[in-house]
């Protein structure tokens, strides 16, 4: 789960966003669907964006970037397996 700022920074790091104002407009327009605060006590926490929603947007905007993200996750998983194997020797 991302805050608005975290989601924006993630997209910015991928070169898919440059301006927080535009990012917020995308949320208002429904291009990125945030989760609204459940009630007034959570209002101060602001909107949240689920990881799957952010990935959907990335895949829609830049499928090659999403492929690289998935490849990176797979490589990290393989590294973890190799490190465990090395420790068990």
PDB file of N, CA and C in Angstrom:
ATOM      1  N   UNK A   1       0.859  -1.177   0.000  1.00  0.00           N
ATOM      2  CA  UNK A   1       0.000   0.000   0.000  1.00  0.00           C
ATOM      3  C   UNK A   1       0.904   1.238   0.000  1.00  0.00           C
ATOM      4  N   UNK A   2       0.622   2.134  -0.892  1.00  0.00           N
ATOM      5  CA  UNK A   2       1.408   3.356  -1.044  1.00  0.00           C
ATOM      6  C   UNK A   2       0.602   4.581  -0.603  1.00  0.00           C
ATOM      7  N   UNK A   3       1.292   5.562  -0.053  1.00  0.00           N
ATOM      8  CA  UNK A   3       0.681   6.869   0.116  1.00  0.00           C
ATOM      9  C   UNK A   3       0.718   7.546  -1.255  1.00  0.00           C
ATOM     10  N   UNK A   4       0.031   8.651  -1.386  1.00  0.00           N
ATOM     11  CA  UNK A   4       0.056   9.394  -2.642  1.00  0.00           C
ATOM     12  C   UNK A   4       1.484   9.782  -3.003  1.00  0.00           C
ATOM     13  N   UNK A   5       2.211  10.276  -2.033  1.00  0.00           N
ATOM     14  CA  UNK A   5       3.595  10.706  -2.261  1.00  0.00           C
ATOM     15  C   UNK A   5       4.476   9.531  -2.674  1.00  0.00           C
ATOM     16  N   UNK A   6       4.341   8.403  -2.005  1.00  0.00           N
ATOM     17  CA  UNK A   6       5.152   7.227  -2.327  1.00  0.00           C
ATOM     18  C   UNK A   6       4.854   6.718  -3.737  1.00  0.00           C
ATOM     19  N   UNK A   7       3.572   6.675  -4.094  1.00  0.00           N
ATOM     20  CA  UNK A   7       3.191   6.213  -5.429  1.00  0.00           C
ATOM     21  C   UNK A   7       3.742   7.161  -6.495  1.00  0.00           C
ATOM     22  N   UNK A   8       3.634   8.457  -6.243  1.00  0.00           N
ATOM     23  CA  UNK A   8       4.179   9.433  -7.181  1.00  0.00           C
ATOM     24  C   UNK A   8       5.679   9.231  -7.348  1.00  0.00           C
ATOM     25  N   UNK A   9       6.399   9.074  -6.235  1.00  0.00           N
ATOM     26  CA  UNK A   9       7.852   8.897  -6.316  1.00  0.00           C
ATOM     27  C   UNK A   9       8.228   7.618  -7.057  1.00  0.00           C
ATOM     28  N   UNK A  10       7.435   6.583  -6.893  1.00  0.00           N
ATOM     29  CA  UNK A  10       7.670   5.334  -7.624  1.00  0.00           C
ATOM     30  C   UNK A  10       7.529   5.569  -9.131  1.00  0.00           C
ATOM     31  N   UNK A  11       6.455   6.239  -9.527  1.00  0.00           N
ATOM     32  CA  UNK A  11       6.265   6.536 -10.948  1.00  0.00           C
ATOM     33  C   UNK A  11       7.344   7.479 -11.473  1.00  0.00           C
ATOM     34  N   UNK A  12       7.736   8.420 -10.655  1.00  0.00           N
ATOM     35  CA  UNK A  12       8.784   9.364 -11.049  1.00  0.00           C
ATOM     36  C   UNK A  12      10.101   8.625 -11.276  1.00  0.00           C
ATOM     37  N   UNK A  13      10.424   7.676 -10.394  1.00  0.00           N
ATOM     38  CA  UNK A  13      11.673   6.921 -10.535  1.00  0.00           C
ATOM     39  C   UNK A  13      11.683   6.084 -11.814  1.00  0.00           C
ATOM     40  N   UNK A  14      10.499   5.749 -12.324  1.00  0.00           N
ATOM     41  CA  UNK A  14      10.381   4.971 -13.561  1.00  0.00           C
ATOM     42  C   UNK A  14      10.251   5.867 -14.794  1.00  0.00           C
ATOM     43  N   UNK A  15      10.226   7.179 -14.563  1.00  0.00           N
ATOM     44  CA  UNK A  15      10.103   8.126 -15.666  1.00  0.00           C
ATOM     45  C   UNK A  15       8.683   8.249 -16.197  1.00  0.00           C
ATOM     46  N   UNK A  16       7.697   7.854 -15.388  1.00  0.00           N
ATOM     47  CA  UNK A  16       6.301   7.893 -15.833  1.00  0.00           C
ATOM     48  C   UNK A  16       5.525   9.078 -15.265  1.00  0.00           C
ATOM     49  N   UNK A  17       6.137   9.842 -14.388  1.00  0.00           N
ATOM     50  CA  UNK A  17       5.485  11.023 -13.807  1.00  0.00           C
ATOM     51  C   UNK A  17       6.569  12.038 -13.453  1.00  0.00           C
ATOM     52  N   UNK A  18       6.242  13.291 -13.606  1.00  0.00           N
ATOM     53  CA  UNK A  18       7.212  14.334 -13.266  1.00  0.00           C
ATOM     54  C   UNK A  18       6.636  15.384 -12.322  1.00  0.00           C
ATOM     55  N   UNK A  19       5.310  15.366 -12.143  1.00  0.00           N
ATOM     56  CA  UNK A  19       4.671  16.437 -11.391  1.00  0.00           C
ATOM     57  C   UNK A  19       3.585  15.854 -10.486  1.00  0.00           C
ATOM     58  N   UNK A  20       3.675  16.126  -9.191  1.00  0.00           N
ATOM     59  CA  UNK A  20       2.705  15.600  -8.223  1.00  0.00           C
ATOM     60  C   UNK A  20       1.291  16.102  -8.512  1.00  0.00           C
ATOM     61  N   UNK A  21       1.180  17.321  -9.032  1.00  0.00           N
ATOM     62  CA  UNK A  21      -0.137  17.880  -9.353  1.00  0.00           C
ATOM     63  C   UNK A  21      -0.796  17.073 -10.461  1.00  0.00           C
ATOM     64  N   UNK A  22      -0.033  16.710 -11.467  1.00  0.00           N
ATOM     65  CA  UNK A  22      -0.565  15.887 -12.559  1.00  0.00           C
ATOM     66  C   UNK A  22      -0.940  14.509 -12.013  1.00  0.00           C
ATOM     67  N   UNK A  23      -0.121  13.965 -11.149  1.00  0.00           N
ATOM     68  CA  UNK A  23      -0.411  12.667 -10.542  1.00  0.00           C
ATOM     69  C   UNK A  23      -1.746  12.712  -9.786  1.00  0.00           C
ATOM     70  N   UNK A  24      -1.956  13.759  -9.016  1.00  0.00           N
ATOM     71  CA  UNK A  24      -3.221  13.899  -8.280  1.00  0.00           C
ATOM     72  C   UNK A  24      -4.409  14.056  -9.231  1.00  0.00           C
ATOM     73  N   UNK A  25      -4.193  14.746 -10.353  1.00  0.00           N
ATOM     74  CA  UNK A  25      -5.258  14.879 -11.349  1.00  0.00           C
ATOM     75  C   UNK A  25      -5.602  13.508 -11.935  1.00  0.00           C
ATOM     76  N   UNK A  26      -4.581  12.679 -12.182  1.00  0.00           N
ATOM     77  CA  UNK A  26      -4.838  11.327 -12.673  1.00  0.00           C
ATOM     78  C   UNK A  26      -5.726  10.559 -11.694  1.00  0.00           C
ATOM     79  N   UNK A  27      -5.508  10.789 -10.391  1.00  0.00           N
ATOM     80  CA  UNK A  27      -6.345  10.131  -9.388  1.00  0.00           C
ATOM     81  C   UNK A  27      -7.781  10.655  -9.477  1.00  0.00           C
ATOM     82  N   UNK A  28      -7.961  11.969  -9.575  1.00  0.00           N
ATOM     83  CA  UNK A  28      -9.298  12.551  -9.676  1.00  0.00           C
ATOM     84  C   UNK A  28     -10.021  12.063 -10.929  1.00  0.00           C
ATOM     85  N   UNK A  29      -9.272  11.906 -12.020  1.00  0.00           N
ATOM     86  CA  UNK A  29      -9.860  11.467 -13.291  1.00  0.00           C
ATOM     87  C   UNK A  29     -10.104   9.958 -13.325  1.00  0.00           C
ATOM     88  N   UNK A  30      -9.614   9.241 -12.326  1.00  0.00           N
ATOM     89  CA  UNK A  30      -9.812   7.797 -12.276  1.00  0.00           C
ATOM     90  C   UNK A  30      -8.787   6.989 -13.046  1.00  0.00           C
ATOM     91  N   UNK A  31      -7.746   7.640 -13.535  1.00  0.00           N
ATOM     92  CA  UNK A  31      -6.690   6.908 -14.240  1.00  0.00           C
ATOM     93  C   UNK A  31      -5.909   6.035 -13.263  1.00  0.00           C
ATOM     94  N   UNK A  32      -5.784   6.517 -12.049  1.00  0.00           N
ATOM     95  CA  UNK A  32      -5.234   5.747 -10.929  1.00  0.00           C
ATOM     96  C   UNK A  32      -6.321   5.780  -9.866  1.00  0.00           C
ATOM     97  N   UNK A  33      -6.737   4.613  -9.424  1.00  0.00           N
ATOM     98  CA  UNK A  33      -7.862   4.546  -8.484  1.00  0.00           C
ATOM     99  C   UNK A  33      -7.349   4.376  -7.053  1.00  0.00           C
ATOM    100  N   UNK A  34      -7.376   5.472  -6.286  1.00  0.00           N
ATOM    101  CA  UNK A  34      -6.922   5.378  -4.894  1.00  0.00           C
ATOM    102  C   UNK A  34      -8.022   4.836  -3.989  1.00  0.00           C
ATOM    103  N   UNK A  35      -7.618   4.384  -2.830  1.00  0.00           N
ATOM    104  CA  UNK A  35      -8.571   4.018  -1.784  1.00  0.00           C
ATOM    105  C   UNK A  35      -8.787   5.253  -0.938  1.00  0.00           C
ATOM    106  N   UNK A  36     -10.030   5.623  -0.765  1.00  0.00           N
ATOM    107  CA  UNK A  36     -10.335   6.806   0.043  1.00  0.00           C
ATOM    108  C   UNK A  36     -10.274   6.436   1.520  1.00  0.00           C
ATOM    109  N   UNK A  37      -9.986   7.421   2.369  1.00  0.00           N
ATOM    110  CA  UNK A  37     -10.008   7.152   3.811  1.00  0.00           C
ATOM    111  C   UNK A  37     -11.376   6.623   4.221  1.00  0.00           C
ATOM    112  N   UNK A  38     -11.385   5.634   5.109  1.00  0.00           N
ATOM    113  CA  UNK A  38     -12.643   4.985   5.500  1.00  0.00           C
ATOM    114  C   UNK A  38     -13.596   5.914   6.238  1.00  0.00           C
ATOM    115  N   UNK A  39     -13.065   6.755   7.083  1.00  0.00           N
ATOM    116  CA  UNK A  39     -13.917   7.677   7.826  1.00  0.00           C
ATOM    117  C   UNK A  39     -13.111   8.916   8.188  1.00  0.00           C
ATOM    118  N   UNK A  40     -13.734   9.827   8.870  1.00  0.00           N
ATOM    119  CA  UNK A  40     -13.075  11.091   9.192  1.00  0.00           C
ATOM    120  C   UNK A  40     -11.820  10.922  10.037  1.00  0.00           C
ATOM    121  N   UNK A  41     -11.785   9.925  10.897  1.00  0.00           N
ATOM    122  CA  UNK A  41     -10.602   9.752  11.739  1.00  0.00           C
ATOM    123  C   UNK A  41      -9.395   9.327  10.915  1.00  0.00           C
ATOM    124  N   UNK A  42      -9.637   8.699   9.761  1.00  0.00           N
ATOM    125  CA  UNK A  42      -8.549   8.299   8.892  1.00  0.00           C
ATOM    126  C   UNK A  42      -8.262   9.329   7.801  1.00  0.00           C
ATOM    127  N   UNK A  43      -9.047  10.394   7.780  1.00  0.00           N
ATOM    128  CA  UNK A  43      -8.912  11.392   6.720  1.00  0.00           C
ATOM    129  C   UNK A  43      -7.506  11.994   6.683  1.00  0.00           C
ATOM    130  N   UNK A  44      -6.901  12.188   7.853  1.00  0.00           N
ATOM    131  CA  UNK A  44      -5.573  12.789   7.909  1.00  0.00           C
ATOM    132  C   UNK A  44      -4.522  11.905   7.248  1.00  0.00           C
ATOM    133  N   UNK A  45      -4.801  10.604   7.161  1.00  0.00           N
ATOM    134  CA  UNK A  45      -3.862   9.694   6.527  1.00  0.00           C
ATOM    135  C   UNK A  45      -3.839   9.879   5.010  1.00  0.00           C
ATOM    136  N   UNK A  46      -4.893  10.427   4.462  1.00  0.00           N
ATOM    137  CA  UNK A  46      -4.960  10.669   3.024  1.00  0.00           C
ATOM    138  C   UNK A  46      -5.270   9.420   2.237  1.00  0.00           C
ATOM    139  N   UNK A  47      -5.215   9.564   0.925  1.00  0.00           N
ATOM    140  CA  UNK A  47      -5.505   8.451   0.032  1.00  0.00           C
ATOM    141  C   UNK A  47      -4.371   7.436   0.059  1.00  0.00           C
ATOM    142  N   UNK A  48      -4.719   6.193  -0.235  1.00  0.00           N
ATOM    143  CA  UNK A  48      -3.747   5.113  -0.363  1.00  0.00           C
ATOM    144  C   UNK A  48      -3.938   4.481  -1.735  1.00  0.00           C
ATOM    145  N   UNK A  49      -2.855   3.967  -2.280  1.00  0.00           N
ATOM    146  CA  UNK A  49      -2.918   3.303  -3.574  1.00  0.00           C
ATOM    147  C   UNK A  49      -2.350   1.899  -3.399  1.00  0.00           C
ATOM    148  N   UNK A  50      -3.155   0.918  -3.771  1.00  0.00           N
ATOM    149  CA  UNK A  50      -2.704  -0.459  -3.646  1.00  0.00           C
ATOM    150  C   UNK A  50      -1.617  -0.753  -4.682  1.00  0.00           C
ATOM    151  N   UNK A  51      -0.717  -1.648  -4.324  1.00  0.00           N
ATOM    152  CA  UNK A  51       0.383  -2.006  -5.213  1.00  0.00           C
ATOM    153  C   UNK A  51      -0.146  -2.528  -6.557  1.00  0.00           C
ATOM    154  N   UNK A  52      -1.185  -3.367  -6.503  1.00  0.00           N
ATOM    155  CA  UNK A  52      -1.725  -3.921  -7.754  1.00  0.00           C
ATOM    156  C   UNK A  52      -2.313  -2.828  -8.639  1.00  0.00           C
ATOM    157  N   UNK A  53      -2.878  -1.791  -8.047  1.00  0.00           N
ATOM    158  CA  UNK A  53      -3.430  -0.676  -8.821  1.00  0.00           C
ATOM    159  C   UNK A  53      -2.307   0.124  -9.470  1.00  0.00           C
ATOM    160  N   UNK A  54      -1.239   0.354  -8.716  1.00  0.00           N
ATOM    161  CA  UNK A  54      -0.105   1.085  -9.278  1.00  0.00           C
ATOM    162  C   UNK A  54       0.521   0.277 -10.409  1.00  0.00           C
ATOM    163  N   UNK A  55       0.642  -1.029 -10.220  1.00  0.00           N
ATOM    164  CA  UNK A  55       1.210  -1.886 -11.267  1.00  0.00           C
ATOM    165  C   UNK A  55       0.305  -1.940 -12.500  1.00  0.00           C
ATOM    166  N   UNK A  56      -1.006  -1.898 -12.291  1.00  0.00           N
ATOM    167  CA  UNK A  56      -1.928  -1.859 -13.421  1.00  0.00           C
ATOM    168  C   UNK A  56      -1.683  -0.602 -14.256  1.00  0.00           C
ATOM    169  N   UNK A  57      -1.528   0.519 -13.572  1.00  0.00           N
ATOM    170  CA  UNK A  57      -1.282   1.785 -14.255  1.00  0.00           C
ATOM    171  C   UNK A  57       0.049   1.737 -15.009  1.00  0.00           C
ATOM    172  N   UNK A  58       1.092   1.217 -14.350  1.00  0.00           N
ATOM    173  CA  UNK A  58       2.410   1.117 -14.994  1.00  0.00           C
ATOM    174  C   UNK A  58       2.319   0.233 -16.236  1.00  0.00           C
ATOM    175  N   UNK A  59       1.653  -0.907 -16.098  1.00  0.00           N
ATOM    176  CA  UNK A  59       1.522  -1.834 -17.224  1.00  0.00           C
ATOM    177  C   UNK A  59       0.789  -1.183 -18.388  1.00  0.00           C
ATOM    178  N   UNK A  60      -0.227  -0.398 -18.057  1.00  0.00           N
ATOM    179  CA  UNK A  60      -1.010   0.299 -19.076  1.00  0.00           C
ATOM    180  C   UNK A  60      -0.173   1.362 -19.785  1.00  0.00           C
ATOM    181  N   UNK A  61       0.613   2.109 -19.008  1.00  0.00           N
ATOM    182  CA  UNK A  61       1.410   3.211 -19.555  1.00  0.00           C
ATOM    183  C   UNK A  61       2.709   2.752 -20.200  1.00  0.00           C
ATOM    184  N   UNK A  62       3.316   1.738 -19.617  1.00  0.00           N
ATOM    185  CA  UNK A  62       4.635   1.308 -20.093  1.00  0.00           C
ATOM    186  C   UNK A  62       4.807  -0.188 -19.832  1.00  0.00           C
ATOM    187  N   UNK A  63       4.267  -1.014 -20.712  1.00  0.00           N
ATOM    188  CA  UNK A  63       4.347  -2.458 -20.494  1.00  0.00           C
ATOM    189  C   UNK A  63       5.772  -2.970 -20.323  1.00  0.00           C
ATOM    190  N   UNK A  64       6.736  -2.371 -21.016  1.00  0.00           N
ATOM    191  CA  UNK A  64       8.130  -2.818 -20.898  1.00  0.00           C
ATOM    192  C   UNK A  64       8.653  -2.572 -19.487  1.00  0.00           C
ATOM    193  N   UNK A  65       8.245  -1.462 -18.881  1.00  0.00           N
ATOM    194  CA  UNK A  65       8.667  -1.164 -17.504  1.00  0.00           C
ATOM    195  C   UNK A  65       8.106  -2.220 -16.560  1.00  0.00           C
ATOM    196  N   UNK A  66       6.853  -2.590 -16.739  1.00  0.00           N
ATOM    197  CA  UNK A  66       6.237  -3.600 -15.879  1.00  0.00           C
ATOM    198  C   UNK A  66       6.942  -4.939 -16.046  1.00  0.00           C
ATOM    199  N   UNK A  67       7.320  -5.276 -17.262  1.00  0.00           N
ATOM    200  CA  UNK A  67       8.068  -6.509 -17.488  1.00  0.00           C
ATOM    201  C   UNK A  67       9.390  -6.487 -16.741  1.00  0.00           C
ATOM    202  N   UNK A  68      10.061  -5.347 -16.740  1.00  0.00           N
ATOM    203  CA  UNK A  68      11.327  -5.220 -16.009  1.00  0.00           C
ATOM    204  C   UNK A  68      11.118  -5.342 -14.503  1.00  0.00           C
ATOM    205  N   UNK A  69      10.039  -4.782 -13.991  1.00  0.00           N
ATOM    206  CA  UNK A  69       9.728  -4.895 -12.558  1.00  0.00           C
ATOM    207  C   UNK A  69       9.523  -6.357 -12.193  1.00  0.00           C
ATOM    208  N   UNK A  70       8.758  -7.083 -13.009  1.00  0.00           N
ATOM    209  CA  UNK A  70       8.515  -8.500 -12.734  1.00  0.00           C
ATOM    210  C   UNK A  70       9.798  -9.317 -12.842  1.00  0.00           C
ATOM    211  N   UNK A  71      10.620  -9.009 -13.830  1.00  0.00           N
ATOM    212  CA  UNK A  71      11.894  -9.704 -13.987  1.00  0.00           C
ATOM    213  C   UNK A  71      12.795  -9.448 -12.777  1.00  0.00           C
ATOM    214  N   UNK A  72      12.791  -8.222 -12.293  1.00  0.00           N
ATOM    215  CA  UNK A  72      13.588  -7.866 -11.130  1.00  0.00           C
ATOM    216  C   UNK A  72      13.133  -8.653  -9.894  1.00  0.00           C
ATOM    217  N   UNK A  73      11.827  -8.779  -9.697  1.00  0.00           N
ATOM    218  CA  UNK A  73      11.300  -9.553  -8.564  1.00  0.00           C
ATOM    219  C   UNK A  73      11.747 -11.004  -8.653  1.00  0.00           C
ATOM    220  N   UNK A  74      11.693 -11.564  -9.858  1.00  0.00           N
ATOM    221  CA  UNK A  74      12.098 -12.958 -10.057  1.00  0.00           C
ATOM    222  C   UNK A  74      13.591 -13.142  -9.771  1.00  0.00           C
ATOM    223  N   UNK A  75      14.403 -12.211 -10.223  1.00  0.00           N
ATOM    224  CA  UNK A  75      15.844 -12.291  -9.960  1.00  0.00           C
ATOM    225  C   UNK A  75      16.147 -12.185  -8.461  1.00  0.00           C
ATOM    226  N   UNK A  76      15.435 -11.308  -7.767  1.00  0.00           N
ATOM    227  CA  UNK A  76      15.618 -11.187  -6.317  1.00  0.00           C
ATOM    228  C   UNK A  76      15.249 -12.479  -5.615  1.00  0.00           C
ATOM    229  N   UNK A  77      14.170 -13.115  -6.076  1.00  0.00           N
ATOM    230  CA  UNK A  77      13.752 -14.386  -5.490  1.00  0.00           C
ATOM    231  C   UNK A  77      14.830 -15.457  -5.703  1.00  0.00           C
ATOM    232  N   UNK A  78      15.400 -15.507  -6.903  1.00  0.00           N
ATOM    233  CA  UNK A  78      16.452 -16.477  -7.200  1.00  0.00           C
ATOM    234  C   UNK A  78      17.707 -16.219  -6.366  1.00  0.00           C
ATOM    235  N   UNK A  79      18.029 -14.952  -6.174  1.00  0.00           N
ATOM    236  CA  UNK A  79      19.191 -14.599  -5.341  1.00  0.00           C
ATOM    237  C   UNK A  79      18.980 -15.086  -3.913  1.00  0.00           C
ATOM    238  N   UNK A  80      17.788 -14.890  -3.377  1.00  0.00           N
ATOM    239  CA  UNK A  80      17.483 -15.358  -2.021  1.00  0.00           C
ATOM    240  C   UNK A  80      17.665 -16.868  -1.909  1.00  0.00           C
ATOM    241  N   UNK A  81      17.199 -17.606  -2.910  1.00  0.00           N
ATOM    242  CA  UNK A  81      17.344 -19.065  -2.911  1.00  0.00           C
ATOM    243  C   UNK A  81      18.818 -19.447  -2.932  1.00  0.00           C
ATOM    244  N   UNK A  82      19.588 -18.797  -3.784  1.00  0.00           N
ATOM    245  CA  UNK A  82      21.022 -19.092  -3.879  1.00  0.00           C
ATOM    246  C   UNK A  82      21.755 -18.758  -2.581  1.00  0.00           C
ATOM    247  N   UNK A  83      21.390 -17.650  -1.954  1.00  0.00           N
ATOM    248  CA  UNK A  83      22.020 -17.271  -0.682  1.00  0.00           C
ATOM    249  C   UNK A  83      21.703 -18.292   0.404  1.00  0.00           C
ATOM    250  N   UNK A  84      20.487 -18.788   0.448  1.00  0.00           N
ATOM    251  CA  UNK A  84      20.112 -19.816   1.432  1.00  0.00           C
ATOM    252  C   UNK A  84      20.895 -21.103   1.174  1.00  0.00           C
ATOM    253  N   UNK A  85      21.043 -21.474  -0.098  1.00  0.00           N
ATOM    254  CA  UNK A  85      21.800 -22.666  -0.447  1.00  0.00           C
ATOM    255  C   UNK A  85      23.262 -22.525  -0.022  1.00  0.00           C
ATOM    256  N   UNK A  86      23.830 -21.352  -0.245  1.00  0.00           N
ATOM    257  CA  UNK A  86      25.225 -21.093   0.109  1.00  0.00           C
ATOM    258  C   UNK A  86      25.423 -21.182   1.618  1.00  0.00           C
ATOM    259  N   UNK A  87      24.483 -20.656   2.394  1.00  0.00           N
ATOM    260  CA  UNK A  87      24.577 -20.689   3.858  1.00  0.00           C
ATOM    261  C   UNK A  87      24.459 -22.104   4.405  1.00  0.00           C
ATOM    262  N   UNK A  88      23.714 -22.956   3.699  1.00  0.00           N
ATOM    263  CA  UNK A  88      23.509 -24.313   4.160  1.00  0.00           C
ATOM    264  C   UNK A  88      24.655 -25.264   3.819  1.00  0.00           C
ATOM    265  N   UNK A  89      25.651 -24.808   3.134  1.00  0.00           N
ATOM    266  CA  UNK A  89      26.806 -25.650   2.777  1.00  0.00           C
ATOM    267  C   UNK A  89      27.727 -25.852   3.920  1.00  0.00           C
TER     268      UNK A  89
END
